[in-house]
C-alpha atoms as a PDB file:
ATOM      1  CA  LYS A   1      -1.534 -11.438 -29.993  1.00  0.00           C
ATOM      2  CA  VAL A   2      -1.123 -10.788 -33.735  1.00  0.00           C
ATOM      3  CA  VAL A   3       1.250 -13.074 -35.680  1.00  0.00           C
ATOM      4  CA  ALA A   4       2.340 -12.193 -39.202  1.00  0.00           C
ATOM      5  CA  THR A   5       3.596 -14.751 -41.714  1.00  0.00           C
ATOM      6  CA  ARG A   6       6.279 -13.020 -43.871  1.00  0.00           C
ATOM      7  CA  ASN A   7       7.339 -13.911 -47.325  1.00  0.00           C
ATOM      8  CA  GLU A   8      10.964 -14.856 -47.605  1.00  0.00           C
ATOM      9  CA  GLY A   9      13.252 -11.806 -47.860  1.00  0.00           C
ATOM     10  CA  PHE A  10      10.571  -9.390 -46.462  1.00  0.00           C
ATOM     11  CA  ASP A  11      11.415  -7.938 -42.980  1.00  0.00           C
ATOM     12  CA  GLU A  12      10.020  -4.406 -43.048  1.00  0.00           C
ATOM     13  CA  PRO A  13       7.813  -3.019 -40.224  1.00  0.00           C
ATOM     14  CA  ILE A  14       4.130  -3.812 -40.448  1.00  0.00           C
ATOM     15  CA  THR A  15       1.543  -1.307 -39.179  1.00  0.00           C
ATOM     16  CA  LEU A  16      -1.624  -2.874 -37.645  1.00  0.00           C
ATOM     17  CA  GLN A  17      -5.034  -1.303 -37.093  1.00  0.00           C
ATOM     18  CA  PHE A  18      -8.093  -2.551 -35.289  1.00  0.00           C
ATOM     19  CA  PRO A  19     -10.990  -1.168 -37.466  1.00  0.00           C
ATOM     20  CA  PHE A  20     -14.033  -2.713 -35.641  1.00  0.00           C
ATOM     21  CA  ARG A  21     -14.438  -2.218 -31.926  1.00  0.00           C
ATOM     22  CA  PRO A  22     -17.442  -3.664 -30.051  1.00  0.00           C
ATOM     23  CA  PRO A  23     -19.339  -0.999 -27.982  1.00  0.00           C
ATOM     24  CA  GLY A  24     -17.397  -0.209 -24.787  1.00  0.00           C
ATOM     25  CA  VAL A  25     -14.180  -1.712 -26.189  1.00  0.00           C
ATOM     26  CA  GLY A  26     -11.162   0.457 -26.788  1.00  0.00           C
ATOM     27  CA  ALA A  27      -7.873  -0.165 -28.574  1.00  0.00           C
ATOM     28  CA  SER A  28      -4.752   1.696 -29.656  1.00  0.00           C
ATOM     29  CA  SER A  29      -5.203   3.343 -33.083  1.00  0.00           C
ATOM     30  CA  ARG A  30      -2.105   1.678 -34.406  1.00  0.00           C
ATOM     31  CA  VAL A  31       0.457  -0.928 -33.301  1.00  0.00           C
ATOM     32  CA  THR A  32       3.673  -1.811 -35.210  1.00  0.00           C
ATOM     33  CA  ILE A  33       5.356  -5.150 -35.667  1.00  0.00           C
ATOM     34  CA  PRO A  34       9.070  -4.056 -35.686  1.00  0.00           C
ATOM     35  CA  LYS A  35      11.458  -4.832 -38.605  1.00  0.00           C
ATOM     36  CA  GLY A  36      12.639  -8.413 -38.491  1.00  0.00           C
ATOM     37  CA  GLN A  37       9.922  -9.522 -35.989  1.00  0.00           C
ATOM     38  CA  ASN A  38       6.799 -11.539 -36.532  1.00  0.00           C
ATOM     39  CA  GLU A  39       4.370 -10.802 -33.714  1.00  0.00           C
ATOM     40  CA  VAL A  40       3.117  -8.119 -31.285  1.00  0.00           C
ATOM     41  CA  PHE A  41       0.404  -7.676 -28.691  1.00  0.00           C
ATOM     42  CA  TYR A  42      -2.467  -5.450 -29.593  1.00  0.00           C
ATOM     43  CA  PRO A  43      -3.815  -4.048 -26.365  1.00  0.00           C
ATOM     44  CA  LEU A  44      -7.626  -3.871 -25.962  1.00  0.00           C
ATOM     45  CA  ASN A  45      -9.687  -2.750 -22.959  1.00  0.00           C
ATOM     46  CA  ALA A  46     -13.362  -2.874 -22.005  1.00  0.00           C
ATOM     47  CA  ASN A  47     -15.112  -0.260 -19.854  1.00  0.00           C
ATOM     48  CA  GLY A  48     -17.740  -1.033 -17.257  1.00  0.00           C
ATOM     49  CA  ASN A  49     -20.510  -0.499 -19.771  1.00  0.00           C
ATOM     50  CA  ALA A  50     -19.221  -2.899 -22.449  1.00  0.00           C
ATOM     51  CA  GLU A  51     -21.859  -5.459 -23.550  1.00  0.00           C
ATOM     52  CA  MET A  52     -20.939  -8.879 -22.319  1.00  0.00           C
ATOM     53  CA  LYS A  53     -21.021 -10.980 -25.597  1.00  0.00           C
ATOM     54  CA  LYS A  54     -18.942 -12.882 -28.062  1.00  0.00           C
ATOM     55  CA  TRP A  55     -17.892 -10.764 -31.069  1.00  0.00           C
ATOM     56  CA  LYS A  56     -16.054 -11.420 -34.327  1.00  0.00           C
ATOM     57  CA  VAL A  57     -13.083  -8.994 -34.862  1.00  0.00           C
ATOM     58  CA  PHE A  58     -10.177  -8.625 -37.209  1.00  0.00           C
ATOM     59  CA  VAL A  59      -6.904  -6.700 -37.718  1.00  0.00           C
ATOM     60  CA  ILE A  60      -5.627  -5.104 -40.954  1.00  0.00           C
ATOM     61  CA  GLY A  61      -1.957  -4.560 -41.644  1.00  0.00           C
ATOM     62  CA  SER A  62       0.042  -2.372 -44.050  1.00  0.00           C
ATOM     63  CA  ALA A  63       3.656  -2.203 -45.103  1.00  0.00           C
ATOM     64  CA  ASN A  64       5.945  -0.772 -47.702  1.00  0.00           C
ATOM     65  CA  VAL A  65       6.698  -3.427 -50.472  1.00  0.00           C
ATOM     66  CA  GLY A  66       7.717  -1.040 -53.209  1.00  0.00           C
ATOM     67  CA  GLY A  67       4.395   0.736 -52.525  1.00  0.00           C
ATOM     68  CA  ASN A  68       1.816   0.575 -49.755  1.00  0.00           C
ATOM     69  CA  ALA A  69       0.135  -2.845 -49.417  1.00  0.00           C
ATOM     70  CA  TRP A  70      -2.711  -3.865 -47.216  1.00  0.00           C
ATOM     71  CA  VAL A  71      -3.636  -7.311 -45.804  1.00  0.00           C
ATOM     72  CA  SER A  72      -6.312  -8.527 -43.381  1.00  0.00           C
ATOM     73  CA  SER A  73      -6.361 -11.171 -40.804  1.00  0.00           C
ATOM     74  CA  GLN A  74      -9.120 -13.790 -40.562  1.00  0.00           C
ATOM     75  CA  LEU A  75     -12.142 -13.163 -38.223  1.00  0.00           C
ATOM     76  CA  ALA A  76     -11.232 -14.087 -34.683  1.00  0.00           C
ATOM     77  CA  PRO A  77     -13.477 -14.454 -31.623  1.00  0.00           C
ATOM     78  CA  LEU A  78     -13.304 -11.822 -28.923  1.00  0.00           C
ATOM     79  CA  GLU A  79     -15.396 -12.494 -25.686  1.00  0.00           C
ATOM     80  CA  VAL A  80     -16.406  -9.587 -23.499  1.00  0.00           C
ATOM     81  CA  ALA A  81     -16.943 -11.172 -20.082  1.00  0.00           C
ATOM     82  CA  ASP A  82     -17.644 -10.018 -16.579  1.00  0.00           C
ATOM     83  CA  SER A  83     -14.508  -9.183 -14.436  1.00  0.00           C
ATOM     84  CA  PHE A  84     -13.022 -12.066 -12.446  1.00  0.00           C
ATOM     85  CA  VAL A  85     -12.612 -10.146  -9.303  1.00  0.00           C
ATOM     86  CA  ASP A  86     -13.572  -6.989  -7.388  1.00  0.00           C
ATOM     87  CA  LEU A  87     -11.253  -5.477  -4.855  1.00  0.00           C
ATOM     88  CA  ASP A  88     -12.192  -3.300  -1.950  1.00  0.00           C
ATOM     89  CA  LEU A  89      -9.170  -1.284  -0.720  1.00  0.00           C
ATOM     90  CA  ALA A  90      -9.089   0.423   2.668  1.00  0.00           C
ATOM     91  CA  ARG A  91      -7.969   4.026   3.006  1.00  0.00           C
ATOM     92  CA  THR A  92      -4.947   4.576   5.217  1.00  0.00           C
ATOM     93  CA  ALA A  93      -2.643   7.321   6.578  1.00  0.00           C
ATOM     94  CA  VAL A  94       0.993   7.343   7.415  1.00  0.00           C
ATOM     95  CA  GLU A  95       3.780   9.758   8.453  1.00  0.00           C
ATOM     96  CA  GLN A  96       6.608  10.653   6.070  1.00  0.00           C
ATOM     97  CA  GLY A  97       9.455   8.104   6.407  1.00  0.00           C
ATOM     98  CA  GLN A  98       7.173   5.491   8.027  1.00  0.00           C
ATOM     99  CA  GLU A  99       5.517   2.275   6.811  1.00  0.00           C
ATOM    100  CA  THR A 100       1.809   1.296   6.599  1.00  0.00           C
ATOM    101  CA  GLU A 101      -0.491  -1.378   5.278  1.00  0.00           C
ATOM    102  CA  ILE A 102      -3.344  -1.184   2.799  1.00  0.00           C
ATOM    103  CA  ILE A 103      -5.876  -3.964   3.393  1.00  0.00           C
ATOM    104  CA  CYS A 104      -7.540  -5.403   0.228  1.00  0.00           C
ATOM    105  CA  LYS A 105     -10.687  -7.394   0.474  1.00  0.00           C
ATOM    106  CA  VAL A 106     -11.183  -9.858  -2.396  1.00  0.00           C
ATOM    107  CA  ASN A 107     -14.609 -10.537  -3.955  1.00  0.00           C
ATOM    108  CA  MET A 108     -14.189 -13.482  -6.306  1.00  0.00           C
ATOM    109  CA  LYS A 109     -16.774 -13.263  -9.090  1.00  0.00           C
ATOM    110  CA  ASN A 110     -15.387 -15.797 -11.645  1.00  0.00           C
ATOM    111  CA  PRO A 111     -12.912 -18.234 -10.149  1.00  0.00           C
ATOM    112  CA  PHE A 112      -9.914 -18.956 -12.286  1.00  0.00           C
ATOM    113  CA  GLU A 113      -7.115 -21.550 -12.178  1.00  0.00           C
ATOM    114  CA  GLY A 114      -3.514 -20.742 -11.279  1.00  0.00           C
ATOM    115  CA  ASP A 115      -2.029 -17.648  -9.630  1.00  0.00           C
ATOM    116  CA  ALA A 116      -2.825 -14.106 -10.533  1.00  0.00           C
ATOM    117  CA  LYS A 117      -0.945 -10.864  -9.759  1.00  0.00           C
ATOM    118  CA  ILE A 118      -2.067  -7.585  -8.290  1.00  0.00           C
ATOM    119  CA  LYS A 119      -0.077  -4.422  -8.747  1.00  0.00           C
ATOM    120  CA  LEU A 120      -0.888  -1.184  -6.811  1.00  0.00           C
ATOM    121  CA  VAL A 121      -0.829   1.638  -9.336  1.00  0.00           C
ATOM    122  CA  GLY A 122      -0.790   5.402  -8.774  1.00  0.00           C
ATOM    123  CA  LEU A 123       1.466   5.663  -5.747  1.00  0.00           C
ATOM    124  CA  PRO A 124       2.992   9.135  -5.272  1.00  0.00           C
ATOM    125  CA  PRO A 125       6.722   9.680  -5.798  1.00  0.00           C
ATOM    126  CA  LYS A 126       9.105   8.018  -3.239  1.00  0.00           C
ATOM    127  CA  VAL A 127       6.420   5.586  -2.126  1.00  0.00           C
ATOM    128  CA  THR A 128       6.881   1.926  -2.840  1.00  0.00           C
ATOM    129  CA  THR A 129       5.215  -1.493  -2.354  1.00  0.00           C
ATOM    130  CA  GLU A 130       5.521  -4.959  -3.861  1.00  0.00           C
ATOM    131  CA  ASP A 131       3.155  -6.828  -6.272  1.00  0.00           C
ATOM    132  CA  ILE A 132       1.022  -9.611  -4.623  1.00  0.00           C
ATOM    133  CA  SER A 133       0.169 -13.038  -5.961  1.00  0.00           C
ATOM    134  CA  PHE A 134      -3.245 -14.545  -5.144  1.00  0.00           C
ATOM    135  CA  ASN A 135      -5.570 -17.345  -6.316  1.00  0.00           C
ATOM    136  CA  LYS A 136      -9.328 -18.103  -6.332  1.00  0.00           C
ATOM    137  CA  GLU A 137      -9.120 -19.042  -2.603  1.00  0.00           C
ATOM    138  CA  SER A 138      -7.818 -15.652  -1.451  1.00  0.00           C
ATOM    139  CA  LYS A 139     -10.089 -13.578   0.774  1.00  0.00           C
ATOM    140  CA  GLU A 140      -7.879 -10.853   1.983  1.00  0.00           C
ATOM    141  CA  LEU A 141      -4.532  -9.269   0.727  1.00  0.00           C
ATOM    142  CA  ILE A 142      -2.163  -6.787   2.423  1.00  0.00           C
ATOM    143  CA  PHE A 143       0.095  -4.286   0.589  1.00  0.00           C
ATOM    144  CA  LYS A 144       2.970  -3.202   2.737  1.00  0.00           C
ATOM    145  CA  VAL A 145       3.665   0.385   1.802  1.00  0.00           C
ATOM    146  CA  LYS A 146       7.037   2.196   2.543  1.00  0.00           C
ATOM    147  CA  THR A 147       7.359   5.984   2.348  1.00  0.00           C
ATOM    148  CA  ASP A 148      10.425   8.263   2.401  1.00  0.00           C
ATOM    149  CA  PRO A 149      11.038  11.410   4.431  1.00  0.00           C
ATOM    150  CA  ALA A 150      10.750  13.252   1.101  1.00  0.00           C
ATOM    151  CA  SER A 151       7.365  11.603   0.098  1.00  0.00           C
ATOM    152  CA  PRO A 152       4.913  14.273  -0.814  1.00  0.00           C
ATOM    153  CA  GLN A 153       2.599  15.290   2.014  1.00  0.00           C
ATOM    154  CA  GLY A 154      -1.159  15.270   1.356  1.00  0.00           C
ATOM    155  CA  ARG A 155      -4.095  13.127   0.260  1.00  0.00           C
ATOM    156  CA  HIS A 156      -3.300  10.911  -2.867  1.00  0.00           C
ATOM    157  CA  LYS A 157      -6.571   9.722  -4.305  1.00  0.00           C
ATOM    158  CA  SER A 158      -5.424   8.055  -7.590  1.00  0.00           C
ATOM    159  CA  LEU A 159      -4.460   4.586  -6.158  1.00  0.00           C
ATOM    160  CA  PHE A 160      -6.045   1.564  -7.878  1.00  0.00           C
ATOM    161  CA  CYS A 161      -5.180  -2.059  -8.596  1.00  0.00           C
ATOM    162  CA  GLN A 162      -4.166  -3.638 -11.872  1.00  0.00           C
ATOM    163  CA  VAL A 163      -4.939  -7.339 -11.820  1.00  0.00           C
ATOM    164  CA  GLU A 164      -3.214  -9.820 -14.213  1.00  0.00           C
ATOM    165  CA  ILE A 165      -5.096 -13.145 -14.556  1.00  0.00           C
ATOM    166  CA  PRO A 166      -3.916 -16.156 -16.598  1.00  0.00           C
ATOM    167  CA  VAL A 167      -6.686 -17.378 -19.045  1.00  0.00           C
ATOM    168  CA  ASN A 168      -6.021 -20.062 -21.615  1.00  0.00           C
ATOM    169  CA  GLY A 169      -2.355 -19.379 -21.804  1.00  0.00           C
ATOM    170  CA  GLU A 170      -2.877 -15.583 -22.174  1.00  0.00           C
ATOM    171  CA  THR A 171      -2.916 -12.760 -19.529  1.00  0.00           C
ATOM    172  CA  VAL A 172      -6.181 -10.849 -19.017  1.00  0.00           C
ATOM    173  CA  VAL A 173      -5.607  -7.504 -17.401  1.00  0.00           C
ATOM    174  CA  HIS A 174      -8.188  -5.389 -15.699  1.00  0.00           C
ATOM    175  CA  THR A 175      -8.340  -2.571 -13.115  1.00  0.00           C
ATOM    176  CA  THR A 176     -10.401  -2.497  -9.994  1.00  0.00           C
ATOM    177  CA  GLY A 177     -10.401  -1.084  -6.480  1.00  0.00           C
ATOM    178  CA  ARG A 178      -9.645   2.557  -5.775  1.00  0.00           C
ATOM    179  CA  THR A 179      -8.414   4.046  -2.540  1.00  0.00           C
ATOM    180  CA  GLU A 180      -6.703   7.094  -0.851  1.00  0.00           C
ATOM    181  CA  LEU A 181      -3.251   7.217   0.809  1.00  0.00           C
ATOM    182  CA  ARG A 182      -2.770  10.250   3.120  1.00  0.00           C
ATOM    183  CA  ILE A 183       0.763  11.208   3.991  1.00  0.00           C
ATOM    184  CA  ASP A 184       1.324  13.446   6.982  1.00  0.00           C
ATOM    185  CA  LYS A 185       4.241  15.302   8.366  1.00  0.00           C
ATOM    186  CA  PRO A 186       5.733  13.712  11.433  1.00  0.00           C
ATOM    187  CA  ALA A 187       4.407  15.171  14.721  1.00  0.00           C
ATOM    188  CA  PRO A 188       6.856  17.689  16.233  1.00  0.00           C
ATOM    189  CA  PRO A 189       8.882  16.399  19.117  1.00  0.00           C
ATOM    190  CA  LYS A 190       7.584  17.187  22.518  1.00  0.00           C
ATOM    191  CA  LYS A 191       9.307  20.048  24.276  1.00  0.00           C
ATOM    192  CA  ASP A 192      11.318  19.126  27.309  1.00  0.00           C
ATOM    193  CA  GLU A 193       9.320  19.751  30.425  1.00  0.00           C
ATOM    194  CA  PRO A 194      10.976  22.049  32.987  1.00  0.00           C
ATOM    195  CA  ALA A 195      12.830  20.007  35.553  1.00  0.00           C
ATOM    196  CA  LYS A 196      11.028  19.718  38.857  1.00  0.00           C
ATOM    197  CA  PRO A 197      12.878  21.271  41.825  1.00  0.00           C
ATOM    198  CA  ALA A 198      14.884  18.765  43.741  1.00  0.00           C
ATOM    199  CA  THR A 199      13.182  17.665  46.847  1.00  0.00           C
ATOM    200  CA  VAL A 200      15.268  18.683  49.862  1.00  0.00           C
ATOM    201  CA  ALA A 201      15.259  16.227  52.661  1.00  0.00           C
ATOM    202  CA  LYS A 202      14.255  17.756  55.949  1.00  0.00           C
ATOM    203  CA  LYS A 203      16.930  17.597  58.571  1.00  0.00           C
ATOM    204  CA  GLU A 204      16.020  15.271  61.295  1.00  0.00           C
ATOM    205  CA  GLU A 205      15.997  16.984  64.681  1.00  0.00           C
ATOM    206  CA  PRO A 206      18.252  15.305  67.135  1.00  0.00           C
ATOM    207  CA  LYS A 207      16.383  12.893  69.348  1.00  0.00           C
ATOM    208  CA  LYS A 208      16.038  13.909  72.938  1.00  0.00           C
ATOM    209  CA  GLU A 209      17.734  11.451  75.183  1.00  0.00           C
ATOM    210  CA  ALA A 210      15.430   9.572  77.485  1.00  0.00           C
ATOM    211  CA  PRO A 211      15.747  10.920  81.076  1.00  0.00           C
ATOM    212  CA  LYS A 212      18.304   8.941  83.100  1.00  0.00           C
ATOM    213  CA  ARG A 213      16.680   6.763  85.737  1.00  0.00           C
ATOM    214  CA  LEU A 214      17.783   7.742  89.276  1.00  0.00           C
ATOM    215  CA  THR A 215      18.755   5.409  91.880  1.00  0.00           C
ATOM    216  CA  ARG A 216      16.921   5.470  95.188  1.00  0.00           C
ATOM    217  CA  LEU A 217      19.801   7.299  96.866  1.00  0.00           C
ATOM    218  CA  GLU A 218      19.975   9.870  94.033  1.00  0.00           C
ATOM    219  CA  GLN A 219      16.158  10.411  94.459  1.00  0.00           C
ATOM    220  CA  LEU A 220      16.508  11.139  98.162  1.00  0.00           C
ATOM    221  CA  ARG A 221      19.429  13.616  97.586  1.00  0.00           C
ATOM    222  CA  LEU A 222      17.344  15.368  94.914  1.00  0.00           C
ATOM    223  CA  GLU A 223      14.369  15.686  97.294  1.00  0.00           C
ATOM    224  CA  ALA A 224      16.582  17.028  99.969  1.00  0.00           C
ATOM    225  CA  GLN A 225      17.987  19.581  97.550  1.00  0.00           C
ATOM    226  CA  LYS A 226      14.482  20.787  96.573  1.00  0.00           C
ATOM    227  CA  ARG A 227      13.566  21.164 100.254  1.00  0.00           C
ATOM    228  CA  LEU A 228      16.599  23.276 100.884  1.00  0.00           C
ATOM    229  CA  GLU A 229      15.859  25.473  97.859  1.00  0.00           C
ATOM    230  CA  SER A 230      12.229  25.964  99.020  1.00  0.00           C
ATOM    231  CA  GLY A 231      13.391  26.811 102.633  1.00  0.00           C
ATOM    232  CA  THR A 232      11.967  23.625 104.253  1.00  0.00           C
ATOM    233  CA  LYS A 233      14.110  21.752 106.611  1.00  0.00           C
END
């Protein structure tokens, strides 16, 4: 953060520049303190090859005061340090209009105090998730990802995490963890199978009645009838 002390009556914009940048450290070419304001954040970033060391840096400012005038800040310490945390994001796939989860493994390298925030950056259009808070005790985090029926199909490889960590009243931001989200079209609905022919129940054959049991008299008459038919007296 750069704070300007203005003379009374002067409220013009002030243009700032960061003339010396340690190796591996990047910065915007210019940042402006707006008219009537006294401070602004000058964003800096360090790549993976930046030398971890304490440096002395400064900012110069210019403004129109009836002509162009330049001033310089005092030397200020800038420490390039190792990242606080590494994140390992799992790849995942989801169908359009559905939800999924991205698992995030946390490797704590430099424990910090308080709560930090992780934002998943690089999501394709019509895909959303929420930021996650974590602390030095966190081991695993889960991003709940929601897609839309119109979310673009395909492999989206530009996802990464932006981590915001509180340090000495300031916020240190760094990026880590890359992954891929694959969005598929929903599987076509299964075609209706042809209806199986209805099973026709077999008609039960009428049960034969059990032969009627004859009395002794009926048996004698039947035997006599058979003898007559066969010609035997």
